[in-house]
C-alpha atoms as a PDB file:
ATOM      1  CA  UNK A   1       9.570   5.287  22.083  1.00  0.00           C
ATOM      2  CA  UNK A   2      11.440   2.052  21.394  1.00  0.00           C
ATOM      3  CA  UNK A   3       8.424   0.002  22.440  1.00  0.00           C
ATOM      4  CA  UNK A   4       6.169   2.065  20.196  1.00  0.00           C
ATOM      5  CA  UNK A   5       8.607   1.691  17.309  1.00  0.00           C
ATOM      6  CA  UNK A   6       8.718  -2.087  17.838  1.00  0.00           C
ATOM      7  CA  UNK A   7       4.914  -2.137  17.747  1.00  0.00           C
ATOM      8  CA  UNK A   8       4.380   0.139  14.734  1.00  0.00           C
ATOM      9  CA  UNK A   9       7.285  -0.760  12.430  1.00  0.00           C
ATOM     10  CA  UNK A  10       5.888  -4.130  11.229  1.00  0.00           C
ATOM     11  CA  UNK A  11       2.430  -2.588  10.771  1.00  0.00           C
ATOM     12  CA  UNK A  12       3.804   0.295   8.707  1.00  0.00           C
ATOM     13  CA  UNK A  13       6.026  -2.047   6.710  1.00  0.00           C
ATOM     14  CA  UNK A  14       3.064  -4.274   5.879  1.00  0.00           C
ATOM     15  CA  UNK A  15       1.243  -1.283   4.401  1.00  0.00           C
ATOM     16  CA  UNK A  16       4.172   0.360   2.617  1.00  0.00           C
ATOM     17  CA  UNK A  17       5.755  -2.722   1.021  1.00  0.00           C
ATOM     18  CA  UNK A  18       2.994  -3.626  -1.448  1.00  0.00           C
ATOM     19  CA  UNK A  19       2.402   0.008  -2.403  1.00  0.00           C
ATOM     20  CA  UNK A  20       5.968   1.285  -2.749  1.00  0.00           C
ATOM     21  CA  UNK A  21       7.389  -2.125  -3.774  1.00  0.00           C
ATOM     22  CA  UNK A  22      11.211  -2.029  -3.726  1.00  0.00           C
ATOM     23  CA  UNK A  23      11.072   1.360  -2.028  1.00  0.00           C
ATOM     24  CA  UNK A  24       8.828  -0.008   0.725  1.00  0.00           C
ATOM     25  CA  UNK A  25      11.505   0.185   3.430  1.00  0.00           C
ATOM     26  CA  UNK A  26      12.204   3.816   2.508  1.00  0.00           C
ATOM     27  CA  UNK A  27       8.499   4.630   2.578  1.00  0.00           C
ATOM     28  CA  UNK A  28       8.122   2.884   5.936  1.00  0.00           C
ATOM     29  CA  UNK A  29      11.025   4.833   7.382  1.00  0.00           C
ATOM     30  CA  UNK A  30       9.627   8.123   6.093  1.00  0.00           C
ATOM     31  CA  UNK A  31       6.177   7.252   7.441  1.00  0.00           C
ATOM     32  CA  UNK A  32       7.565   6.364  10.866  1.00  0.00           C
ATOM     33  CA  UNK A  33       9.447   9.668  11.001  1.00  0.00           C
ATOM     34  CA  UNK A  34       6.225  11.533  10.191  1.00  0.00           C
ATOM     35  CA  UNK A  35       4.382   9.519  12.841  1.00  0.00           C
ATOM     36  CA  UNK A  36       6.925  10.292  15.540  1.00  0.00           C
ATOM     37  CA  UNK A  37       7.015  13.975  14.638  1.00  0.00           C
ATOM     38  CA  UNK A  38       3.223  14.213  14.752  1.00  0.00           C
ATOM     39  CA  UNK A  39       2.610  11.986  17.740  1.00  0.00           C
ATOM     40  CA  UNK A  40       2.222  14.874  20.177  1.00  0.00           C
ATOM     41  CA  UNK A  41      -0.576  16.313  18.043  1.00  0.00           C
ATOM     42  CA  UNK A  42      -2.620  13.109  18.134  1.00  0.00           C
ATOM     43  CA  UNK A  43      -5.778  14.064  19.996  1.00  0.00           C
ATOM     44  CA  UNK A  44      -7.183  10.573  20.429  1.00  0.00           C
ATOM     45  CA  UNK A  45      -4.571   7.926  21.349  1.00  0.00           C
ATOM     46  CA  UNK A  46      -7.040   5.124  20.620  1.00  0.00           C
ATOM     47  CA  UNK A  47      -6.993   6.189  16.953  1.00  0.00           C
ATOM     48  CA  UNK A  48      -3.246   5.693  16.573  1.00  0.00           C
ATOM     49  CA  UNK A  49      -3.477   2.694  14.209  1.00  0.00           C
ATOM     50  CA  UNK A  50      -5.941   4.413  11.888  1.00  0.00           C
ATOM     51  CA  UNK A  51      -3.809   7.523  11.798  1.00  0.00           C
ATOM     52  CA  UNK A  52      -0.610   5.519  11.250  1.00  0.00           C
ATOM     53  CA  UNK A  53      -2.318   3.555   8.434  1.00  0.00           C
ATOM     54  CA  UNK A  54      -3.256   6.839   6.773  1.00  0.00           C
ATOM     55  CA  UNK A  55       0.250   8.248   7.081  1.00  0.00           C
ATOM     56  CA  UNK A  56       1.836   5.021   5.818  1.00  0.00           C
ATOM     57  CA  UNK A  57      -0.436   4.692   2.776  1.00  0.00           C
ATOM     58  CA  UNK A  58       0.025   8.317   1.731  1.00  0.00           C
ATOM     59  CA  UNK A  59       3.761   8.176   2.233  1.00  0.00           C
ATOM     60  CA  UNK A  60       4.053   4.923   0.283  1.00  0.00           C
ATOM     61  CA  UNK A  61       2.175   6.462  -2.641  1.00  0.00           C
ATOM     62  CA  UNK A  62       4.405   9.544  -2.510  1.00  0.00           C
ATOM     63  CA  UNK A  63       7.607   7.470  -2.476  1.00  0.00           C
ATOM     64  CA  UNK A  64       6.360   5.197  -5.263  1.00  0.00           C
ATOM     65  CA  UNK A  65       5.483   8.177  -7.450  1.00  0.00           C
ATOM     66  CA  UNK A  66       8.875   9.697  -6.820  1.00  0.00           C
ATOM     67  CA  UNK A  67      10.583   6.488  -7.871  1.00  0.00           C
ATOM     68  CA  UNK A  68       8.836   6.634 -11.286  1.00  0.00           C
ATOM     69  CA  UNK A  69       9.093   2.926 -11.863  1.00  0.00           C
ATOM     70  CA  UNK A  70       9.485   1.335 -15.260  1.00  0.00           C
ATOM     71  CA  UNK A  71       7.009  -1.392 -16.164  1.00  0.00           C
ATOM     72  CA  UNK A  72       8.720  -4.787 -15.902  1.00  0.00           C
ATOM     73  CA  UNK A  73       9.065  -7.201 -18.794  1.00  0.00           C
ATOM     74  CA  UNK A  74       6.380  -9.737 -19.652  1.00  0.00           C
ATOM     75  CA  UNK A  75       5.485 -12.298 -17.009  1.00  0.00           C
ATOM     76  CA  UNK A  76       6.797 -15.805 -17.439  1.00  0.00           C
ATOM     77  CA  UNK A  77       4.397 -18.731 -17.263  1.00  0.00           C
ATOM     78  CA  UNK A  78       2.088 -18.523 -14.290  1.00  0.00           C
ATOM     79  CA  UNK A  79       2.579 -21.013 -11.448  1.00  0.00           C
ATOM     80  CA  UNK A  80      -0.097 -23.301 -10.096  1.00  0.00           C
ATOM     81  CA  UNK A  81      -1.861 -22.237  -6.873  1.00  0.00           C
ATOM     82  CA  UNK A  82       0.262 -23.165  -3.870  1.00  0.00           C
ATOM     83  CA  UNK A  83       3.506 -22.773  -5.825  1.00  0.00           C
ATOM     84  CA  UNK A  84       6.047 -20.663  -3.881  1.00  0.00           C
ATOM     85  CA  UNK A  85       6.626 -18.618  -7.026  1.00  0.00           C
ATOM     86  CA  UNK A  86       3.046 -17.353  -6.819  1.00  0.00           C
ATOM     87  CA  UNK A  87       3.895 -14.570  -4.350  1.00  0.00           C
ATOM     88  CA  UNK A  88       6.679 -13.305  -6.581  1.00  0.00           C
ATOM     89  CA  UNK A  89       4.371 -13.351  -9.592  1.00  0.00           C
ATOM     90  CA  UNK A  90       1.707 -11.398  -7.717  1.00  0.00           C
ATOM     91  CA  UNK A  91       4.345  -8.834  -6.821  1.00  0.00           C
ATOM     92  CA  UNK A  92       5.350  -8.619 -10.486  1.00  0.00           C
ATOM     93  CA  UNK A  93       1.758  -7.911 -11.477  1.00  0.00           C
ATOM     94  CA  UNK A  94       1.443  -5.303  -8.711  1.00  0.00           C
ATOM     95  CA  UNK A  95       4.428  -3.435 -10.154  1.00  0.00           C
ATOM     96  CA  UNK A  96       2.375  -2.849 -13.291  1.00  0.00           C
ATOM     97  CA  UNK A  97      -0.186  -0.861 -11.299  1.00  0.00           C
ATOM     98  CA  UNK A  98       0.144   2.810 -10.447  1.00  0.00           C
ATOM     99  CA  UNK A  99       0.959   3.650  -6.808  1.00  0.00           C
ATOM    100  CA  UNK A 100      -2.558   5.036  -6.389  1.00  0.00           C
ATOM    101  CA  UNK A 101      -4.095   1.761  -7.551  1.00  0.00           C
ATOM    102  CA  UNK A 102      -1.755  -0.299  -5.374  1.00  0.00           C
ATOM    103  CA  UNK A 103      -2.701   1.851  -2.367  1.00  0.00           C
ATOM    104  CA  UNK A 104      -6.408   1.272  -2.902  1.00  0.00           C
ATOM    105  CA  UNK A 105      -5.894  -2.486  -3.389  1.00  0.00           C
ATOM    106  CA  UNK A 106      -3.768  -2.761  -0.240  1.00  0.00           C
ATOM    107  CA  UNK A 107      -6.172  -0.828   1.959  1.00  0.00           C
ATOM    108  CA  UNK A 108      -9.271  -2.524   0.564  1.00  0.00           C
ATOM    109  CA  UNK A 109      -8.175  -6.103  -0.133  1.00  0.00           C
ATOM    110  CA  UNK A 110      -5.264  -6.648   2.261  1.00  0.00           C
ATOM    111  CA  UNK A 111      -6.199  -4.401   5.164  1.00  0.00           C
ATOM    112  CA  UNK A 112      -9.936  -5.077   4.746  1.00  0.00           C
ATOM    113  CA  UNK A 113     -11.078  -1.466   4.942  1.00  0.00           C
ATOM    114  CA  UNK A 114     -14.351  -0.436   3.359  1.00  0.00           C
ATOM    115  CA  UNK A 115     -14.398   2.166   0.573  1.00  0.00           C
ATOM    116  CA  UNK A 116     -15.411   4.994   2.894  1.00  0.00           C
ATOM    117  CA  UNK A 117     -12.600   4.338   5.347  1.00  0.00           C
ATOM    118  CA  UNK A 118     -10.046   3.855   2.550  1.00  0.00           C
ATOM    119  CA  UNK A 119     -11.183   7.161   1.066  1.00  0.00           C
ATOM    120  CA  UNK A 120     -10.681   8.907   4.407  1.00  0.00           C
ATOM    121  CA  UNK A 121      -7.226   7.370   4.818  1.00  0.00           C
ATOM    122  CA  UNK A 122      -6.124   8.433   1.333  1.00  0.00           C
ATOM    123  CA  UNK A 123      -7.800  11.838   1.425  1.00  0.00           C
ATOM    124  CA  UNK A 124     -10.056  11.000  -1.530  1.00  0.00           C
ATOM    125  CA  UNK A 125     -13.768  10.903  -2.262  1.00  0.00           C
ATOM    126  CA  UNK A 126     -15.522   7.540  -1.959  1.00  0.00           C
ATOM    127  CA  UNK A 127     -16.399   7.586  -5.660  1.00  0.00           C
ATOM    128  CA  UNK A 128     -12.738   8.062  -6.535  1.00  0.00           C
ATOM    129  CA  UNK A 129     -11.745   5.089  -4.389  1.00  0.00           C
ATOM    130  CA  UNK A 130     -14.454   2.926  -5.962  1.00  0.00           C
ATOM    131  CA  UNK A 131     -13.390   3.816  -9.502  1.00  0.00           C
ATOM    132  CA  UNK A 132      -9.687   3.328  -8.715  1.00  0.00           C
ATOM    133  CA  UNK A 133     -10.444  -0.005  -7.086  1.00  0.00           C
ATOM    134  CA  UNK A 134     -12.429  -1.133 -10.122  1.00  0.00           C
ATOM    135  CA  UNK A 135      -9.642  -0.048 -12.498  1.00  0.00           C
ATOM    136  CA  UNK A 136      -6.942  -1.567 -10.292  1.00  0.00           C
ATOM    137  CA  UNK A 137      -8.698  -4.921 -10.098  1.00  0.00           C
ATOM    138  CA  UNK A 138      -9.387  -4.883 -13.842  1.00  0.00           C
ATOM    139  CA  UNK A 139      -5.769  -4.017 -14.654  1.00  0.00           C
ATOM    140  CA  UNK A 140      -4.535  -6.668 -12.233  1.00  0.00           C
ATOM    141  CA  UNK A 141      -6.753  -9.329 -13.867  1.00  0.00           C
ATOM    142  CA  UNK A 142      -5.626  -8.369 -17.363  1.00  0.00           C
ATOM    143  CA  UNK A 143      -1.934  -8.380 -16.404  1.00  0.00           C
ATOM    144  CA  UNK A 144      -2.353 -11.667 -14.559  1.00  0.00           C
ATOM    145  CA  UNK A 145      -3.932 -13.429 -17.516  1.00  0.00           C
ATOM    146  CA  UNK A 146      -1.518 -11.924 -20.077  1.00  0.00           C
END
């Protein structure tokens, strides 16, 4: 179990952090607990990463909703590309998005999943994922250029 935890913890953290933001570690811990409780029921061991990704994304959305975040203050001046502050500014813009929109962006743009697979992972219809992705990207662009 320790070896499996060492293997899955960074993967789960990478999914939960951008969705649940400051509550990412809590979401990752909750997701890992769900994974370990449900591990015996996994019918196809080769599908473990897909299943874990699904659990992590759903749990991160749940934790982020529960946290009911306040929208942060206006962004300061934007840094030039390559500036170390850029990552922090991207995170600030992500906090302006709903957990559902962050989840779609993470699965689609960071994890590289297609809309159909992201929809399966989040338990949504493909059309819902496409519309959320469009709105999330639009909101991100508007917040970024504000």
